[in-house]
Amino acid sequence: MRSVVVIMVIIVCAGGIVWWRRRRERASAAAIPSEAIPRENFALKAFAHGNTCMAEGNFAEATVAFHQVRELEPKHPHVAARLAEVERRQQAASA
């Protein structure tokens, strides 16, 4: 009888822990408004996307991504160099 009670207590505690963790995960996964996300994060994602597009040879999309970075973060140090690189590679590919 004692072992049944101990097993039931263990099951109830484990269930409580699982319930608590799932509830906490749902709260942390709630939608974050875009105003709360820093502009630098968007700029970094756009910069990485531009680099990926440039490596794939998609120069038009890379140019758009780098211009988006320039809008989001005008003082980004590498945007002008990347735009020049896209233009150079585009000219080399068309020649």
PDB file of N, CA and C in Angstrom:
ATOM      1  N   MET A   1       0.809  -1.183   0.000  1.00  0.00           N
ATOM      2  CA  MET A   1       0.000   0.000   0.000  1.00  0.00           C
ATOM      3  C   MET A   1       0.863   1.261   0.000  1.00  0.00           C
ATOM      4  N   ARG A   2       1.925   1.200   0.778  1.00  0.00           N
ATOM      5  CA  ARG A   2       2.821   2.332   0.864  1.00  0.00           C
ATOM      6  C   ARG A   2       3.469   2.628  -0.479  1.00  0.00           C
ATOM      7  N   SER A   3       3.864   1.608  -1.201  1.00  0.00           N
ATOM      8  CA  SER A   3       4.525   1.803  -2.483  1.00  0.00           C
ATOM      9  C   SER A   3       3.571   2.416  -3.511  1.00  0.00           C
ATOM     10  N   VAL A   4       2.300   2.089  -3.445  1.00  0.00           N
ATOM     11  CA  VAL A   4       1.314   2.671  -4.354  1.00  0.00           C
ATOM     12  C   VAL A   4       1.185   4.172  -4.079  1.00  0.00           C
ATOM     13  N   VAL A   5       1.174   4.554  -2.828  1.00  0.00           N
ATOM     14  CA  VAL A   5       1.080   5.971  -2.458  1.00  0.00           C
ATOM     15  C   VAL A   5       2.321   6.715  -2.935  1.00  0.00           C
ATOM     16  N   VAL A   6       3.498   6.146  -2.766  1.00  0.00           N
ATOM     17  CA  VAL A   6       4.742   6.780  -3.204  1.00  0.00           C
ATOM     18  C   VAL A   6       4.747   6.945  -4.717  1.00  0.00           C
ATOM     19  N   ILE A   7       4.306   5.932  -5.431  1.00  0.00           N
ATOM     20  CA  ILE A   7       4.261   6.005  -6.898  1.00  0.00           C
ATOM     21  C   ILE A   7       3.266   7.085  -7.339  1.00  0.00           C
ATOM     22  N   MET A   8       2.134   7.180  -6.670  1.00  0.00           N
ATOM     23  CA  MET A   8       1.144   8.203  -7.013  1.00  0.00           C
ATOM     24  C   MET A   8       1.698   9.608  -6.767  1.00  0.00           C
ATOM     25  N   VAL A   9       2.407   9.787  -5.663  1.00  0.00           N
ATOM     26  CA  VAL A   9       3.006  11.098  -5.366  1.00  0.00           C
ATOM     27  C   VAL A   9       4.038  11.457  -6.428  1.00  0.00           C
ATOM     28  N   ILE A  10       4.843  10.487  -6.843  1.00  0.00           N
ATOM     29  CA  ILE A  10       5.843  10.728  -7.877  1.00  0.00           C
ATOM     30  C   ILE A  10       5.172  11.107  -9.194  1.00  0.00           C
ATOM     31  N   ILE A  11       4.111  10.418  -9.561  1.00  0.00           N
ATOM     32  CA  ILE A  11       3.398  10.704 -10.809  1.00  0.00           C
ATOM     33  C   ILE A  11       2.773  12.099 -10.764  1.00  0.00           C
ATOM     34  N   VAL A  12       2.161  12.448  -9.640  1.00  0.00           N
ATOM     35  CA  VAL A  12       1.540  13.769  -9.510  1.00  0.00           C
ATOM     36  C   VAL A  12       2.605  14.861  -9.581  1.00  0.00           C
ATOM     37  N   CYS A  13       3.732  14.671  -8.930  1.00  0.00           N
ATOM     38  CA  CYS A  13       4.811  15.668  -8.974  1.00  0.00           C
ATOM     39  C   CYS A  13       5.383  15.803 -10.384  1.00  0.00           C
ATOM     40  N   ALA A  14       5.593  14.698 -11.059  1.00  0.00           N
ATOM     41  CA  ALA A  14       6.104  14.744 -12.432  1.00  0.00           C
ATOM     42  C   ALA A  14       5.114  15.453 -13.352  1.00  0.00           C
ATOM     43  N   GLY A  15       3.832  15.160 -13.189  1.00  0.00           N
ATOM     44  CA  GLY A  15       2.806  15.839 -13.982  1.00  0.00           C
ATOM     45  C   GLY A  15       2.785  17.335 -13.715  1.00  0.00           C
ATOM     46  N   GLY A  16       2.943  17.712 -12.475  1.00  0.00           N
ATOM     47  CA  GLY A  16       2.988  19.132 -12.122  1.00  0.00           C
ATOM     48  C   GLY A  16       4.190  19.827 -12.740  1.00  0.00           C
ATOM     49  N   ILE A  17       5.319  19.171 -12.740  1.00  0.00           N
ATOM     50  CA  ILE A  17       6.519  19.743 -13.347  1.00  0.00           C
ATOM     51  C   ILE A  17       6.336  19.910 -14.845  1.00  0.00           C
ATOM     52  N   VAL A  18       5.793  18.905 -15.504  1.00  0.00           N
ATOM     53  CA  VAL A  18       5.552  18.988 -16.945  1.00  0.00           C
ATOM     54  C   VAL A  18       4.560  20.101 -17.243  1.00  0.00           C
ATOM     55  N   TRP A  19       3.480  20.188 -16.487  1.00  0.00           N
ATOM     56  CA  TRP A  19       2.488  21.238 -16.699  1.00  0.00           C
ATOM     57  C   TRP A  19       3.113  22.620 -16.513  1.00  0.00           C
ATOM     58  N   TRP A  20       3.896  22.803 -15.475  1.00  0.00           N
ATOM     59  CA  TRP A  20       4.531  24.087 -15.185  1.00  0.00           C
ATOM     60  C   TRP A  20       5.490  24.491 -16.308  1.00  0.00           C
ATOM     61  N   ARG A  21       6.287  23.540 -16.800  1.00  0.00           N
ATOM     62  CA  ARG A  21       7.241  23.845 -17.873  1.00  0.00           C
ATOM     63  C   ARG A  21       6.525  24.203 -19.169  1.00  0.00           C
ATOM     64  N   ARG A  22       5.472  23.496 -19.524  1.00  0.00           N
ATOM     65  CA  ARG A  22       4.713  23.810 -20.743  1.00  0.00           C
ATOM     66  C   ARG A  22       4.060  25.183 -20.645  1.00  0.00           C
ATOM     67  N   ARG A  23       3.535  25.488 -19.484  1.00  0.00           N
ATOM     68  CA  ARG A  23       2.923  26.804 -19.293  1.00  0.00           C
ATOM     69  C   ARG A  23       3.958  27.906 -19.432  1.00  0.00           C
ATOM     70  N   ARG A  24       5.136  27.679 -18.907  1.00  0.00           N
ATOM     71  CA  ARG A  24       6.215  28.658 -19.004  1.00  0.00           C
ATOM     72  C   ARG A  24       6.698  28.803 -20.440  1.00  0.00           C
ATOM     73  N   GLU A  25       6.771  27.703 -21.203  1.00  0.00           N
ATOM     74  CA  GLU A  25       7.189  27.756 -22.603  1.00  0.00           C
ATOM     75  C   GLU A  25       6.186  28.534 -23.429  1.00  0.00           C
ATOM     76  N   ARG A  26       4.907  28.340 -23.177  1.00  0.00           N
ATOM     77  CA  ARG A  26       3.878  29.073 -23.927  1.00  0.00           C
ATOM     78  C   ARG A  26       3.962  30.560 -23.643  1.00  0.00           C
ATOM     79  N   ALA A  27       4.251  30.908 -22.410  1.00  0.00           N
ATOM     80  CA  ALA A  27       4.357  32.326 -22.063  1.00  0.00           C
ATOM     81  C   ALA A  27       5.564  32.960 -22.743  1.00  0.00           C
ATOM     82  N   SER A  28       6.666  32.224 -22.835  1.00  0.00           N
ATOM     83  CA  SER A  28       7.854  32.791 -23.469  1.00  0.00           C
ATOM     84  C   SER A  28       7.743  32.785 -24.982  1.00  0.00           C
ATOM     85  N   ALA A  29       6.881  31.921 -25.539  1.00  0.00           N
ATOM     86  CA  ALA A  29       6.719  31.853 -26.987  1.00  0.00           C
ATOM     87  C   ALA A  29       5.627  32.789 -27.482  1.00  0.00           C
ATOM     88  N   ALA A  30       5.046  33.579 -26.595  1.00  0.00           N
ATOM     89  CA  ALA A  30       4.002  34.518 -27.010  1.00  0.00           C
ATOM     90  C   ALA A  30       4.582  35.514 -27.997  1.00  0.00           C
ATOM     91  N   ALA A  31       3.747  36.011 -28.874  1.00  0.00           N
ATOM     92  CA  ALA A  31       4.191  36.930 -29.918  1.00  0.00           C
ATOM     93  C   ALA A  31       4.766  38.200 -29.307  1.00  0.00           C
ATOM     94  N   ILE A  32       5.945  38.564 -29.788  1.00  0.00           N
ATOM     95  CA  ILE A  32       6.604  39.783 -29.344  1.00  0.00           C
ATOM     96  C   ILE A  32       6.303  40.858 -30.380  1.00  0.00           C
ATOM     97  N   PRO A  33       5.797  41.996 -29.988  1.00  0.00           N
ATOM     98  CA  PRO A  33       5.518  43.042 -30.968  1.00  0.00           C
ATOM     99  C   PRO A  33       6.803  43.520 -31.630  1.00  0.00           C
ATOM    100  N   SER A  34       6.717  43.859 -32.911  1.00  0.00           N
ATOM    101  CA  SER A  34       7.914  44.233 -33.649  1.00  0.00           C
ATOM    102  C   SER A  34       8.551  45.507 -33.095  1.00  0.00           C
ATOM    103  N   GLU A  35       7.779  46.326 -32.359  1.00  0.00           N
ATOM    104  CA  GLU A  35       8.355  47.523 -31.760  1.00  0.00           C
ATOM    105  C   GLU A  35       9.343  47.164 -30.654  1.00  0.00           C
ATOM    106  N   ALA A  36       9.173  45.996 -30.048  1.00  0.00           N
ATOM    107  CA  ALA A  36      10.042  45.575 -28.956  1.00  0.00           C
ATOM    108  C   ALA A  36      11.353  44.991 -29.458  1.00  0.00           C
ATOM    109  N   ILE A  37      11.415  44.615 -30.720  1.00  0.00           N
ATOM    110  CA  ILE A  37      12.632  44.042 -31.286  1.00  0.00           C
ATOM    111  C   ILE A  37      13.510  45.183 -31.798  1.00  0.00           C
ATOM    112  N   PRO A  38      14.751  45.248 -31.382  1.00  0.00           N
ATOM    113  CA  PRO A  38      15.621  46.339 -31.832  1.00  0.00           C
ATOM    114  C   PRO A  38      15.831  46.324 -33.344  1.00  0.00           C
ATOM    115  N   ARG A  39      15.964  47.513 -33.911  1.00  0.00           N
ATOM    116  CA  ARG A  39      16.175  47.655 -35.346  1.00  0.00           C
ATOM    117  C   ARG A  39      17.473  46.981 -35.775  1.00  0.00           C
ATOM    118  N   GLU A  40      18.434  46.902 -34.862  1.00  0.00           N
ATOM    119  CA  GLU A  40      19.717  46.274 -35.204  1.00  0.00           C
ATOM    120  C   GLU A  40      19.533  44.811 -35.576  1.00  0.00           C
ATOM    121  N   ASN A  41      18.561  44.141 -34.934  1.00  0.00           N
ATOM    122  CA  ASN A  41      18.303  42.735 -35.259  1.00  0.00           C
ATOM    123  C   ASN A  41      17.791  42.588 -36.684  1.00  0.00           C
ATOM    124  N   PHE A  42      16.862  43.475 -37.077  1.00  0.00           N
ATOM    125  CA  PHE A  42      16.364  43.442 -38.451  1.00  0.00           C
ATOM    126  C   PHE A  42      17.480  43.755 -39.434  1.00  0.00           C
ATOM    127  N   ALA A  43      18.319  44.724 -39.073  1.00  0.00           N
ATOM    128  CA  ALA A  43      19.426  45.098 -39.951  1.00  0.00           C
ATOM    129  C   ALA A  43      20.407  43.939 -40.099  1.00  0.00           C
ATOM    130  N   LEU A  44      20.686  43.246 -39.008  1.00  0.00           N
ATOM    131  CA  LEU A  44      21.607  42.115 -39.067  1.00  0.00           C
ATOM    132  C   LEU A  44      21.058  40.993 -39.932  1.00  0.00           C
ATOM    133  N   LYS A  45      19.756  40.719 -39.806  1.00  0.00           N
ATOM    134  CA  LYS A  45      19.143  39.683 -40.639  1.00  0.00           C
ATOM    135  C   LYS A  45      19.157  40.079 -42.107  1.00  0.00           C
ATOM    136  N   ALA A  46      18.886  41.345 -42.394  1.00  0.00           N
ATOM    137  CA  ALA A  46      18.908  41.807 -43.780  1.00  0.00           C
ATOM    138  C   ALA A  46      20.322  41.746 -44.344  1.00  0.00           C
ATOM    139  N   PHE A  47      21.318  42.078 -43.525  1.00  0.00           N
ATOM    140  CA  PHE A  47      22.715  42.024 -43.969  1.00  0.00           C
ATOM    141  C   PHE A  47      23.127  40.581 -44.276  1.00  0.00           C
ATOM    142  N   ALA A  48      22.748  39.665 -43.396  1.00  0.00           N
ATOM    143  CA  ALA A  48      23.057  38.250 -43.637  1.00  0.00           C
ATOM    144  C   ALA A  48      22.342  37.740 -44.879  1.00  0.00           C
ATOM    145  N   HIS A  49      21.099  38.171 -45.082  1.00  0.00           N
ATOM    146  CA  HIS A  49      20.349  37.765 -46.276  1.00  0.00           C
ATOM    147  C   HIS A  49      21.034  38.312 -47.537  1.00  0.00           C
ATOM    148  N   GLY A  50      21.500  39.549 -47.471  1.00  0.00           N
ATOM    149  CA  GLY A  50      22.214  40.131 -48.605  1.00  0.00           C
ATOM    150  C   GLY A  50      23.490  39.370 -48.927  1.00  0.00           C
ATOM    151  N   ASN A  51      24.214  38.978 -47.904  1.00  0.00           N
ATOM    152  CA  ASN A  51      25.431  38.189 -48.118  1.00  0.00           C
ATOM    153  C   ASN A  51      25.115  36.841 -48.757  1.00  0.00           C
ATOM    154  N   THR A  52      24.044  36.204 -48.292  1.00  0.00           N
ATOM    155  CA  THR A  52      23.642  34.916 -48.853  1.00  0.00           C
ATOM    156  C   THR A  52      23.242  35.060 -50.320  1.00  0.00           C
ATOM    157  N   CYS A  53      22.461  36.087 -50.616  1.00  0.00           N
ATOM    158  CA  CYS A  53      22.029  36.310 -51.999  1.00  0.00           C
ATOM    159  C   CYS A  53      23.222  36.619 -52.896  1.00  0.00           C
ATOM    160  N   MET A  54      24.164  37.377 -52.386  1.00  0.00           N
ATOM    161  CA  MET A  54      25.347  37.701 -53.175  1.00  0.00           C
ATOM    162  C   MET A  54      26.162  36.438 -53.460  1.00  0.00           C
ATOM    163  N   ALA A  55      26.287  35.569 -52.488  1.00  0.00           N
ATOM    164  CA  ALA A  55      27.042  34.328 -52.681  1.00  0.00           C
ATOM    165  C   ALA A  55      26.342  33.413 -53.686  1.00  0.00           C
ATOM    166  N   GLU A  56      25.002  33.462 -53.724  1.00  0.00           N
ATOM    167  CA  GLU A  56      24.242  32.635 -54.661  1.00  0.00           C
ATOM    168  C   GLU A  56      24.177  33.241 -56.060  1.00  0.00           C
ATOM    169  N   GLY A  57      24.626  34.496 -56.194  1.00  0.00           N
ATOM    170  CA  GLY A  57      24.589  35.156 -57.490  1.00  0.00           C
ATOM    171  C   GLY A  57      23.293  35.886 -57.759  1.00  0.00           C
ATOM    172  N   ASN A  58      22.453  36.042 -56.756  1.00  0.00           N
ATOM    173  CA  ASN A  58      21.195  36.778 -56.882  1.00  0.00           C
ATOM    174  C   ASN A  58      21.468  38.241 -56.515  1.00  0.00           C
ATOM    175  N   PHE A  59      22.026  38.994 -57.464  1.00  0.00           N
ATOM    176  CA  PHE A  59      22.521  40.336 -57.188  1.00  0.00           C
ATOM    177  C   PHE A  59      21.404  41.347 -56.961  1.00  0.00           C
ATOM    178  N   ALA A  60      20.274  41.199 -57.639  1.00  0.00           N
ATOM    179  CA  ALA A  60      19.165  42.144 -57.458  1.00  0.00           C
ATOM    180  C   ALA A  60      18.614  42.077 -56.032  1.00  0.00           C
ATOM    181  N   GLU A  61      18.421  40.871 -55.540  1.00  0.00           N
ATOM    182  CA  GLU A  61      17.898  40.710 -54.182  1.00  0.00           C
ATOM    183  C   GLU A  61      18.932  41.137 -53.146  1.00  0.00           C
ATOM    184  N   ALA A  62      20.208  40.892 -53.419  1.00  0.00           N
ATOM    185  CA  ALA A  62      21.268  41.326 -52.509  1.00  0.00           C
ATOM    186  C   ALA A  62      21.297  42.847 -52.413  1.00  0.00           C
ATOM    187  N   THR A  63      21.143  43.516 -53.556  1.00  0.00           N
ATOM    188  CA  THR A  63      21.129  44.977 -53.554  1.00  0.00           C
ATOM    189  C   THR A  63      19.964  45.506 -52.734  1.00  0.00           C
ATOM    190  N   VAL A  64      18.791  44.897 -52.888  1.00  0.00           N
ATOM    191  CA  VAL A  64      17.617  45.316 -52.115  1.00  0.00           C
ATOM    192  C   VAL A  64      17.870  45.109 -50.622  1.00  0.00           C
ATOM    193  N   ALA A  65      18.451  43.989 -50.255  1.00  0.00           N
ATOM    194  CA  ALA A  65      18.715  43.699 -48.839  1.00  0.00           C
ATOM    195  C   ALA A  65      19.705  44.703 -48.250  1.00  0.00           C
ATOM    196  N   PHE A  66      20.751  45.037 -48.992  1.00  0.00           N
ATOM    197  CA  PHE A  66      21.743  45.984 -48.469  1.00  0.00           C
ATOM    198  C   PHE A  66      21.169  47.398 -48.377  1.00  0.00           C
ATOM    199  N   HIS A  67      20.275  47.765 -49.287  1.00  0.00           N
ATOM    200  CA  HIS A  67      19.617  49.063 -49.176  1.00  0.00           C
ATOM    201  C   HIS A  67      18.683  49.081 -47.972  1.00  0.00           C
ATOM    202  N   GLN A  68      18.080  47.948 -47.668  1.00  0.00           N
ATOM    203  CA  GLN A  68      17.229  47.853 -46.486  1.00  0.00           C
ATOM    204  C   GLN A  68      18.072  48.029 -45.220  1.00  0.00           C
ATOM    205  N   VAL A  69      19.267  47.453 -45.211  1.00  0.00           N
ATOM    206  CA  VAL A  69      20.159  47.632 -44.063  1.00  0.00           C
ATOM    207  C   VAL A  69      20.505  49.103 -43.917  1.00  0.00           C
ATOM    208  N   ARG A  70      20.770  49.766 -45.022  1.00  0.00           N
ATOM    209  CA  ARG A  70      21.123  51.188 -44.987  1.00  0.00           C
ATOM    210  C   ARG A  70      19.967  52.011 -44.411  1.00  0.00           C
ATOM    211  N   GLU A  71      18.728  51.651 -44.741  1.00  0.00           N
ATOM    212  CA  GLU A  71      17.573  52.359 -44.181  1.00  0.00           C
ATOM    213  C   GLU A  71      17.438  52.117 -42.685  1.00  0.00           C
ATOM    214  N   LEU A  72      17.620  50.857 -42.272  1.00  0.00           N
ATOM    215  CA  LEU A  72      17.436  50.506 -40.863  1.00  0.00           C
ATOM    216  C   LEU A  72      18.563  51.022 -39.985  1.00  0.00           C
ATOM    217  N   GLU A  73      19.767  50.964 -40.498  1.00  0.00           N
ATOM    218  CA  GLU A  73      20.932  51.341 -39.705  1.00  0.00           C
ATOM    219  C   GLU A  73      21.912  52.098 -40.605  1.00  0.00           C
ATOM    220  N   PRO A  74      21.730  53.415 -40.744  1.00  0.00           N
ATOM    221  CA  PRO A  74      22.520  54.198 -41.692  1.00  0.00           C
ATOM    222  C   PRO A  74      24.021  54.188 -41.418  1.00  0.00           C
ATOM    223  N   LYS A  75      24.419  53.954 -40.177  1.00  0.00           N
ATOM    224  CA  LYS A  75      25.843  53.992 -39.843  1.00  0.00           C
ATOM    225  C   LYS A  75      26.512  52.621 -39.871  1.00  0.00           C
ATOM    226  N   HIS A  76      25.852  51.627 -40.454  1.00  0.00           N
ATOM    227  CA  HIS A  76      26.441  50.286 -40.540  1.00  0.00           C
ATOM    228  C   HIS A  76      27.722  50.382 -41.356  1.00  0.00           C
ATOM    229  N   PRO A  77      28.837  49.895 -40.825  1.00  0.00           N
ATOM    230  CA  PRO A  77      30.133  50.149 -41.467  1.00  0.00           C
ATOM    231  C   PRO A  77      30.383  49.403 -42.777  1.00  0.00           C
ATOM    232  N   HIS A  78      29.709  48.308 -43.049  1.00  0.00           N
ATOM    233  CA  HIS A  78      30.070  47.478 -44.197  1.00  0.00           C
ATOM    234  C   HIS A  78      29.081  47.538 -45.355  1.00  0.00           C
ATOM    235  N   VAL A  79      28.030  48.325 -45.234  1.00  0.00           N
ATOM    236  CA  VAL A  79      26.990  48.334 -46.262  1.00  0.00           C
ATOM    237  C   VAL A  79      27.514  48.897 -47.576  1.00  0.00           C
ATOM    238  N   ALA A  80      28.221  50.014 -47.520  1.00  0.00           N
ATOM    239  CA  ALA A  80      28.734  50.630 -48.756  1.00  0.00           C
ATOM    240  C   ALA A  80      29.702  49.688 -49.472  1.00  0.00           C
ATOM    241  N   ALA A  81      30.539  49.009 -48.718  1.00  0.00           N
ATOM    242  CA  ALA A  81      31.486  48.073 -49.327  1.00  0.00           C
ATOM    243  C   ALA A  81      30.754  46.892 -49.961  1.00  0.00           C
ATOM    244  N   ARG A  82      29.710  46.413 -49.313  1.00  0.00           N
ATOM    245  CA  ARG A  82      28.962  45.286 -49.867  1.00  0.00           C
ATOM    246  C   ARG A  82      28.192  45.689 -51.122  1.00  0.00           C
ATOM    247  N   LEU A  83      27.634  46.895 -51.131  1.00  0.00           N
ATOM    248  CA  LEU A  83      26.947  47.367 -52.331  1.00  0.00           C
ATOM    249  C   LEU A  83      27.926  47.487 -53.499  1.00  0.00           C
ATOM    250  N   ALA A  84      29.130  47.988 -53.220  1.00  0.00           N
ATOM    251  CA  ALA A  84      30.145  48.076 -54.275  1.00  0.00           C
ATOM    252  C   ALA A  84      30.548  46.683 -54.756  1.00  0.00           C
ATOM    253  N   GLU A  85      30.653  45.733 -53.827  1.00  0.00           N
ATOM    254  CA  GLU A  85      31.002  44.352 -54.191  1.00  0.00           C
ATOM    255  C   GLU A  85      29.918  43.716 -55.056  1.00  0.00           C
ATOM    256  N   VAL A  86      28.662  43.966 -54.716  1.00  0.00           N
ATOM    257  CA  VAL A  86      27.552  43.434 -55.520  1.00  0.00           C
ATOM    258  C   VAL A  86      27.632  44.002 -56.937  1.00  0.00           C
ATOM    259  N   GLU A  87      27.879  45.301 -57.042  1.00  0.00           N
ATOM    260  CA  GLU A  87      27.967  45.923 -58.364  1.00  0.00           C
ATOM    261  C   GLU A  87      29.140  45.353 -59.168  1.00  0.00           C
ATOM    262  N   ARG A  88      30.275  45.158 -58.518  1.00  0.00           N
ATOM    263  CA  ARG A  88      31.451  44.575 -59.207  1.00  0.00           C
ATOM    264  C   ARG A  88      31.147  43.169 -59.699  1.00  0.00           C
ATOM    265  N   ARG A  89      30.561  42.352 -58.830  1.00  0.00           N
ATOM    266  CA  ARG A  89      30.268  40.974 -59.216  1.00  0.00           C
ATOM    267  C   ARG A  89      29.200  40.910 -60.305  1.00  0.00           C
ATOM    268  N   GLN A  90      28.250  41.813 -60.234  1.00  0.00           N
ATOM    269  CA  GLN A  90      27.204  41.841 -61.250  1.00  0.00           C
ATOM    270  C   GLN A  90      27.797  42.216 -62.616  1.00  0.00           C
ATOM    271  N   GLN A  91      28.713  43.180 -62.638  1.00  0.00           N
ATOM    272  CA  GLN A  91      29.365  43.565 -63.890  1.00  0.00           C
ATOM    273  C   GLN A  91      30.238  42.438 -64.417  1.00  0.00           C
ATOM    274  N   ALA A  92      30.933  41.752 -63.526  1.00  0.00           N
ATOM    275  CA  ALA A  92      31.792  40.642 -63.937  1.00  0.00           C
ATOM    276  C   ALA A  92      30.964  39.483 -64.483  1.00  0.00           C
ATOM    277  N   ALA A  93      29.795  39.254 -63.885  1.00  0.00           N
ATOM    278  CA  ALA A  93      28.944  38.148 -64.345  1.00  0.00           C
ATOM    279  C   ALA A  93      28.302  38.464 -65.686  1.00  0.00           C
ATOM    280  N   SER A  94      27.994  39.729 -65.929  1.00  0.00           N
ATOM    281  CA  SER A  94      27.368  40.090 -67.202  1.00  0.00           C
ATOM    282  C   SER A  94      28.381  40.219 -68.326  1.00  0.00           C
ATOM    283  N   ALA A  95      29.659  40.356 -67.992  1.00  0.00           N
ATOM    284  CA  ALA A  95      30.694  40.494 -69.026  1.00  0.00           C
ATOM    285  C   ALA A  95      31.145  39.173 -69.602  1.00  0.00           C
TER     286      ALA A  95
END
